[in-house]
Amino acid sequence: MNNVRHAATVITALVLFAAGCDTGLSPPDEPSGFSGVIRFKHWPSADSVWELRIVAFPSYPNDSANILLDVAQRLVSVYPQIGQPNLLSDTTQHVLFADSIHYSFTSSGTTLDVGVYNYVAFAWRPTSNLFDWRPAGVYTTGPGKFDPAPVRVLLHKITTGIDIQVDFSNPPPKPWL
């Protein structure tokens, strides 16, 4: 009878252990990143909206020449990534002229990494010129302000509530010259 109880205890322990360890000792593969809502006001005409993306800079950008270099070196994270369709191409959200959209900027398929991003902006290209980018909104310390707030990307966690207000008739100033 003792052997039966011992065997039953061992089998139960093995079943419980196996159910809790479906990935073994492999590292978790959940993405890191942030998400939120982008709210829009005063859309320009459709011919003045060529491209829309979210950009995350580890440091405050103050030189347009360095921005291009940083993007080329993948030091700046861009969502959707350069070379992929931009937010205007997202047929599930119908971004153009929307009041708001939900977004999730994660490490999956982007160069976003764990760390602090001191300038997170909603970028807008109003012309066909590939170098004519403007911030249309910035993640800030509070509504109606243009003071950028840092976003901390934690390992295997999606930080929520990183909302960005976009007012195309009152965009934030360009941080670069």
C-alpha atoms as a PDB file:
ATOM      1  CA  MET A   1       0.000   0.000   0.000  1.00  0.00           C
ATOM      2  CA  ASN A   2       2.917   2.331   0.764  1.00  0.00           C
ATOM      3  CA  ASN A   3       4.367   1.727  -2.699  1.00  0.00           C
ATOM      4  CA  VAL A   4       1.048   2.648  -4.327  1.00  0.00           C
ATOM      5  CA  ARG A   5       0.850   5.955  -2.402  1.00  0.00           C
ATOM      6  CA  HIS A   6       4.472   6.727  -3.214  1.00  0.00           C
ATOM      7  CA  ALA A   7       3.924   5.984  -6.917  1.00  0.00           C
ATOM      8  CA  ALA A   8       0.732   8.078  -6.979  1.00  0.00           C
ATOM      9  CA  THR A   9       2.558  11.012  -5.339  1.00  0.00           C
ATOM     10  CA  VAL A  10       5.441  10.801  -7.822  1.00  0.00           C
ATOM     11  CA  ILE A  11       3.094  10.587 -10.825  1.00  0.00           C
ATOM     12  CA  THR A  12       1.023  13.554  -9.563  1.00  0.00           C
ATOM     13  CA  ALA A  13       4.169  15.621  -9.018  1.00  0.00           C
ATOM     14  CA  LEU A  14       5.437  14.785 -12.519  1.00  0.00           C
ATOM     15  CA  VAL A  15       2.108  15.714 -14.126  1.00  0.00           C
ATOM     16  CA  LEU A  16       1.995  19.053 -12.276  1.00  0.00           C
ATOM     17  CA  PHE A  17       5.648  19.798 -13.081  1.00  0.00           C
ATOM     18  CA  ALA A  18       5.198  18.941 -16.765  1.00  0.00           C
ATOM     19  CA  ALA A  19       2.086  21.139 -17.041  1.00  0.00           C
ATOM     20  CA  GLY A  20       3.938  24.134 -15.569  1.00  0.00           C
ATOM     21  CA  CYS A  21       7.077  23.770 -17.705  1.00  0.00           C
ATOM     22  CA  ASP A  22       5.809  23.745 -21.255  1.00  0.00           C
ATOM     23  CA  THR A  23       8.768  25.813 -22.525  1.00  0.00           C
ATOM     24  CA  GLY A  24      11.453  24.171 -20.444  1.00  0.00           C
ATOM     25  CA  LEU A  25      14.394  26.381 -19.620  1.00  0.00           C
ATOM     26  CA  SER A  26      14.212  28.453 -22.795  1.00  0.00           C
ATOM     27  CA  PRO A  27      14.039  32.251 -22.347  1.00  0.00           C
ATOM     28  CA  PRO A  28      10.617  33.886 -22.616  1.00  0.00           C
ATOM     29  CA  ASP A  29       9.883  35.172 -26.095  1.00  0.00           C
ATOM     30  CA  GLU A  30       7.264  37.781 -25.269  1.00  0.00           C
ATOM     31  CA  PRO A  31       7.945  41.082 -27.021  1.00  0.00           C
ATOM     32  CA  SER A  32       8.955  44.311 -25.311  1.00  0.00           C
ATOM     33  CA  GLY A  33       7.456  47.661 -26.226  1.00  0.00           C
ATOM     34  CA  PHE A  34       4.715  50.196 -25.638  1.00  0.00           C
ATOM     35  CA  SER A  35       1.198  50.864 -26.829  1.00  0.00           C
ATOM     36  CA  GLY A  36      -1.444  53.523 -26.671  1.00  0.00           C
ATOM     37  CA  VAL A  37      -3.915  55.628 -28.578  1.00  0.00           C
ATOM     38  CA  ILE A  38      -3.140  58.336 -31.103  1.00  0.00           C
ATOM     39  CA  ARG A  39      -5.867  61.011 -31.223  1.00  0.00           C
ATOM     40  CA  PHE A  40      -6.099  63.269 -34.263  1.00  0.00           C
ATOM     41  CA  LYS A  41      -7.353  66.814 -34.863  1.00  0.00           C
ATOM     42  CA  HIS A  42      -7.443  69.026 -37.948  1.00  0.00           C
ATOM     43  CA  TRP A  43      -6.322  66.578 -40.633  1.00  0.00           C
ATOM     44  CA  PRO A  44      -4.760  68.274 -43.668  1.00  0.00           C
ATOM     45  CA  SER A  45      -5.970  67.412 -47.148  1.00  0.00           C
ATOM     46  CA  ALA A  46      -5.266  63.852 -48.269  1.00  0.00           C
ATOM     47  CA  ASP A  47      -2.643  65.021 -50.782  1.00  0.00           C
ATOM     48  CA  SER A  48      -0.618  66.443 -47.842  1.00  0.00           C
ATOM     49  CA  VAL A  49      -0.291  63.095 -46.088  1.00  0.00           C
ATOM     50  CA  TRP A  50       2.258  60.881 -47.798  1.00  0.00           C
ATOM     51  CA  GLU A  51       3.490  58.825 -44.880  1.00  0.00           C
ATOM     52  CA  LEU A  52       2.873  58.367 -41.133  1.00  0.00           C
ATOM     53  CA  ARG A  53       5.138  56.539 -38.672  1.00  0.00           C
ATOM     54  CA  ILE A  54       5.989  56.448 -34.982  1.00  0.00           C
ATOM     55  CA  VAL A  55       9.619  57.100 -34.116  1.00  0.00           C
ATOM     56  CA  ALA A  56      11.434  56.496 -30.825  1.00  0.00           C
ATOM     57  CA  PHE A  57      14.727  58.281 -30.167  1.00  0.00           C
ATOM     58  CA  PRO A  58      16.964  57.273 -27.250  1.00  0.00           C
ATOM     59  CA  SER A  59      18.181  60.882 -27.023  1.00  0.00           C
ATOM     60  CA  TYR A  60      16.540  64.152 -27.960  1.00  0.00           C
ATOM     61  CA  PRO A  61      17.123  64.774 -31.699  1.00  0.00           C
ATOM     62  CA  ASN A  62      18.632  68.198 -32.355  1.00  0.00           C
ATOM     63  CA  ASP A  63      20.302  67.864 -35.748  1.00  0.00           C
ATOM     64  CA  SER A  64      18.499  66.738 -38.885  1.00  0.00           C
ATOM     65  CA  ALA A  65      21.711  65.352 -40.413  1.00  0.00           C
ATOM     66  CA  ASN A  66      22.270  63.141 -37.371  1.00  0.00           C
ATOM     67  CA  ILE A  67      18.678  61.928 -37.472  1.00  0.00           C
ATOM     68  CA  LEU A  68      19.164  60.466 -40.936  1.00  0.00           C
ATOM     69  CA  LEU A  69      22.443  58.893 -39.866  1.00  0.00           C
ATOM     70  CA  ASP A  70      20.846  57.465 -36.699  1.00  0.00           C
ATOM     71  CA  VAL A  71      17.941  56.019 -38.711  1.00  0.00           C
ATOM     72  CA  ALA A  72      20.379  54.464 -41.190  1.00  0.00           C
ATOM     73  CA  GLN A  73      22.390  52.951 -38.322  1.00  0.00           C
ATOM     74  CA  ARG A  74      19.185  51.685 -36.690  1.00  0.00           C
ATOM     75  CA  LEU A  75      19.777  53.739 -33.542  1.00  0.00           C
ATOM     76  CA  VAL A  76      16.289  55.224 -33.931  1.00  0.00           C
ATOM     77  CA  SER A  77      13.366  52.810 -33.823  1.00  0.00           C
ATOM     78  CA  VAL A  78      10.677  53.338 -36.450  1.00  0.00           C
ATOM     79  CA  TYR A  79       7.200  51.780 -36.549  1.00  0.00           C
ATOM     80  CA  PRO A  80       6.352  50.433 -39.022  1.00  0.00           C
ATOM     81  CA  GLN A  81       9.964  49.905 -40.029  1.00  0.00           C
ATOM     82  CA  ILE A  82      11.384  51.692 -43.056  1.00  0.00           C
ATOM     83  CA  GLY A  83      10.800  49.484 -46.081  1.00  0.00           C
ATOM     84  CA  GLN A  84       7.442  48.278 -44.760  1.00  0.00           C
ATOM     85  CA  PRO A  85       4.090  49.889 -45.533  1.00  0.00           C
ATOM     86  CA  ASN A  86       3.459  52.914 -43.308  1.00  0.00           C
ATOM     87  CA  LEU A  87       0.442  53.538 -41.060  1.00  0.00           C
ATOM     88  CA  LEU A  88      -1.575  54.928 -43.993  1.00  0.00           C
ATOM     89  CA  SER A  89      -1.406  51.463 -45.566  1.00  0.00           C
ATOM     90  CA  ASP A  90      -3.017  49.789 -42.525  1.00  0.00           C
ATOM     91  CA  THR A  91      -6.367  48.715 -43.965  1.00  0.00           C
ATOM     92  CA  THR A  92      -7.604  47.452 -40.589  1.00  0.00           C
ATOM     93  CA  GLN A  93      -7.520  50.905 -38.985  1.00  0.00           C
ATOM     94  CA  HIS A  94      -8.265  53.327 -41.857  1.00  0.00           C
ATOM     95  CA  VAL A  95      -5.941  55.930 -40.354  1.00  0.00           C
ATOM     96  CA  LEU A  96      -6.511  58.814 -42.766  1.00  0.00           C
ATOM     97  CA  PHE A  97      -9.135  61.165 -41.272  1.00  0.00           C
ATOM     98  CA  ALA A  98      -9.703  58.901 -38.244  1.00  0.00           C
ATOM     99  CA  ASP A  99     -10.445  60.444 -34.843  1.00  0.00           C
ATOM    100  CA  SER A 100      -8.074  57.985 -33.162  1.00  0.00           C
ATOM    101  CA  ILE A 101      -6.216  54.720 -33.637  1.00  0.00           C
ATOM    102  CA  HIS A 102      -4.742  52.162 -31.274  1.00  0.00           C
ATOM    103  CA  TYR A 103      -1.142  51.157 -31.849  1.00  0.00           C
ATOM    104  CA  SER A 104       1.370  48.714 -30.413  1.00  0.00           C
ATOM    105  CA  PHE A 105       5.066  49.412 -31.034  1.00  0.00           C
ATOM    106  CA  THR A 106       6.915  46.246 -30.064  1.00  0.00           C
ATOM    107  CA  SER A 107      10.299  44.653 -30.535  1.00  0.00           C
ATOM    108  CA  SER A 108       8.755  42.086 -32.892  1.00  0.00           C
ATOM    109  CA  GLY A 109       9.897  43.010 -36.395  1.00  0.00           C
ATOM    110  CA  THR A 110      11.425  46.355 -35.380  1.00  0.00           C
ATOM    111  CA  THR A 111      14.696  47.656 -33.943  1.00  0.00           C
ATOM    112  CA  LEU A 112      12.978  48.672 -30.681  1.00  0.00           C
ATOM    113  CA  ASP A 113      15.074  47.457 -27.779  1.00  0.00           C
ATOM    114  CA  VAL A 114      14.872  47.519 -24.008  1.00  0.00           C
ATOM    115  CA  GLY A 115      15.842  50.958 -22.691  1.00  0.00           C
ATOM    116  CA  VAL A 116      14.681  54.532 -22.319  1.00  0.00           C
ATOM    117  CA  TYR A 117      13.422  56.537 -25.286  1.00  0.00           C
ATOM    118  CA  ASN A 118      13.503  60.259 -24.500  1.00  0.00           C
ATOM    119  CA  TYR A 119      11.614  61.431 -27.596  1.00  0.00           C
ATOM    120  CA  VAL A 120       8.697  59.439 -28.997  1.00  0.00           C
ATOM    121  CA  ALA A 121       6.887  61.176 -31.824  1.00  0.00           C
ATOM    122  CA  PHE A 122       4.231  60.608 -34.441  1.00  0.00           C
ATOM    123  CA  ALA A 123       6.031  61.586 -37.650  1.00  0.00           C
ATOM    124  CA  TRP A 124       4.349  62.923 -40.759  1.00  0.00           C
ATOM    125  CA  ARG A 125       5.696  63.319 -44.285  1.00  0.00           C
ATOM    126  CA  PRO A 126       3.510  65.971 -45.984  1.00  0.00           C
ATOM    127  CA  THR A 127       5.209  65.943 -49.409  1.00  0.00           C
ATOM    128  CA  SER A 128       6.754  63.507 -51.864  1.00  0.00           C
ATOM    129  CA  ASN A 129      10.212  64.624 -50.676  1.00  0.00           C
ATOM    130  CA  LEU A 130      11.656  61.629 -48.779  1.00  0.00           C
ATOM    131  CA  PHE A 131      13.519  63.976 -46.413  1.00  0.00           C
ATOM    132  CA  ASP A 132      10.562  66.227 -45.511  1.00  0.00           C
ATOM    133  CA  TRP A 133       9.518  64.762 -42.146  1.00  0.00           C
ATOM    134  CA  ARG A 134       7.797  66.655 -39.347  1.00  0.00           C
ATOM    135  CA  PRO A 135       6.638  65.743 -35.873  1.00  0.00           C
ATOM    136  CA  ALA A 136       2.838  65.854 -35.807  1.00  0.00           C
ATOM    137  CA  GLY A 137       2.590  64.791 -32.172  1.00  0.00           C
ATOM    138  CA  VAL A 138       4.892  63.931 -29.283  1.00  0.00           C
ATOM    139  CA  TYR A 139       4.428  61.778 -26.198  1.00  0.00           C
ATOM    140  CA  THR A 140       4.438  64.490 -23.541  1.00  0.00           C
ATOM    141  CA  THR A 141       4.272  65.170 -19.839  1.00  0.00           C
ATOM    142  CA  GLY A 142       0.687  66.389 -20.163  1.00  0.00           C
ATOM    143  CA  PRO A 143      -2.018  67.502 -22.580  1.00  0.00           C
ATOM    144  CA  GLY A 144      -1.403  70.707 -24.491  1.00  0.00           C
ATOM    145  CA  LYS A 145       2.335  70.579 -23.892  1.00  0.00           C
ATOM    146  CA  PHE A 146       5.261  69.832 -26.177  1.00  0.00           C
ATOM    147  CA  ASP A 147       7.698  68.752 -23.443  1.00  0.00           C
ATOM    148  CA  PRO A 148       8.638  65.186 -24.380  1.00  0.00           C
ATOM    149  CA  ALA A 149       8.254  62.543 -21.695  1.00  0.00           C
ATOM    150  CA  PRO A 150      10.521  59.498 -21.624  1.00  0.00           C
ATOM    151  CA  VAL A 151       9.184  56.040 -22.398  1.00  0.00           C
ATOM    152  CA  ARG A 152      10.829  53.105 -20.661  1.00  0.00           C
ATOM    153  CA  VAL A 153      10.744  49.824 -22.592  1.00  0.00           C
ATOM    154  CA  LEU A 154      11.003  46.898 -20.196  1.00  0.00           C
ATOM    155  CA  LEU A 155      12.065  43.357 -21.040  1.00  0.00           C
ATOM    156  CA  HIS A 156       9.101  41.170 -22.094  1.00  0.00           C
ATOM    157  CA  LYS A 157       6.536  43.840 -21.138  1.00  0.00           C
ATOM    158  CA  ILE A 158       4.269  46.091 -23.179  1.00  0.00           C
ATOM    159  CA  THR A 159       3.882  49.437 -21.398  1.00  0.00           C
ATOM    160  CA  THR A 160       0.368  50.766 -22.010  1.00  0.00           C
ATOM    161  CA  GLY A 161      -0.980  54.308 -21.946  1.00  0.00           C
ATOM    162  CA  ILE A 162       1.638  55.896 -24.198  1.00  0.00           C
ATOM    163  CA  ASP A 163      -0.963  58.131 -25.840  1.00  0.00           C
ATOM    164  CA  ILE A 164      -0.048  60.809 -28.382  1.00  0.00           C
ATOM    165  CA  GLN A 165      -2.139  63.848 -29.308  1.00  0.00           C
ATOM    166  CA  VAL A 166      -1.814  64.950 -32.946  1.00  0.00           C
ATOM    167  CA  ASP A 167      -3.061  68.354 -34.043  1.00  0.00           C
ATOM    168  CA  PHE A 168      -1.969  68.933 -37.617  1.00  0.00           C
ATOM    169  CA  SER A 169      -2.822  72.665 -37.347  1.00  0.00           C
ATOM    170  CA  ASN A 170      -0.702  73.024 -34.170  1.00  0.00           C
ATOM    171  CA  PRO A 171       2.185  70.532 -34.432  1.00  0.00           C
ATOM    172  CA  PRO A 172       5.047  70.451 -31.956  1.00  0.00           C
ATOM    173  CA  PRO A 173       8.170  72.337 -32.947  1.00  0.00           C
ATOM    174  CA  LYS A 174      10.860  70.469 -34.842  1.00  0.00           C
ATOM    175  CA  PRO A 175      13.564  69.625 -32.317  1.00  0.00           C
ATOM    176  CA  TRP A 176      16.228  69.830 -35.006  1.00  0.00           C
ATOM    177  CA  LEU A 177      17.469  72.772 -36.994  1.00  0.00           C
END
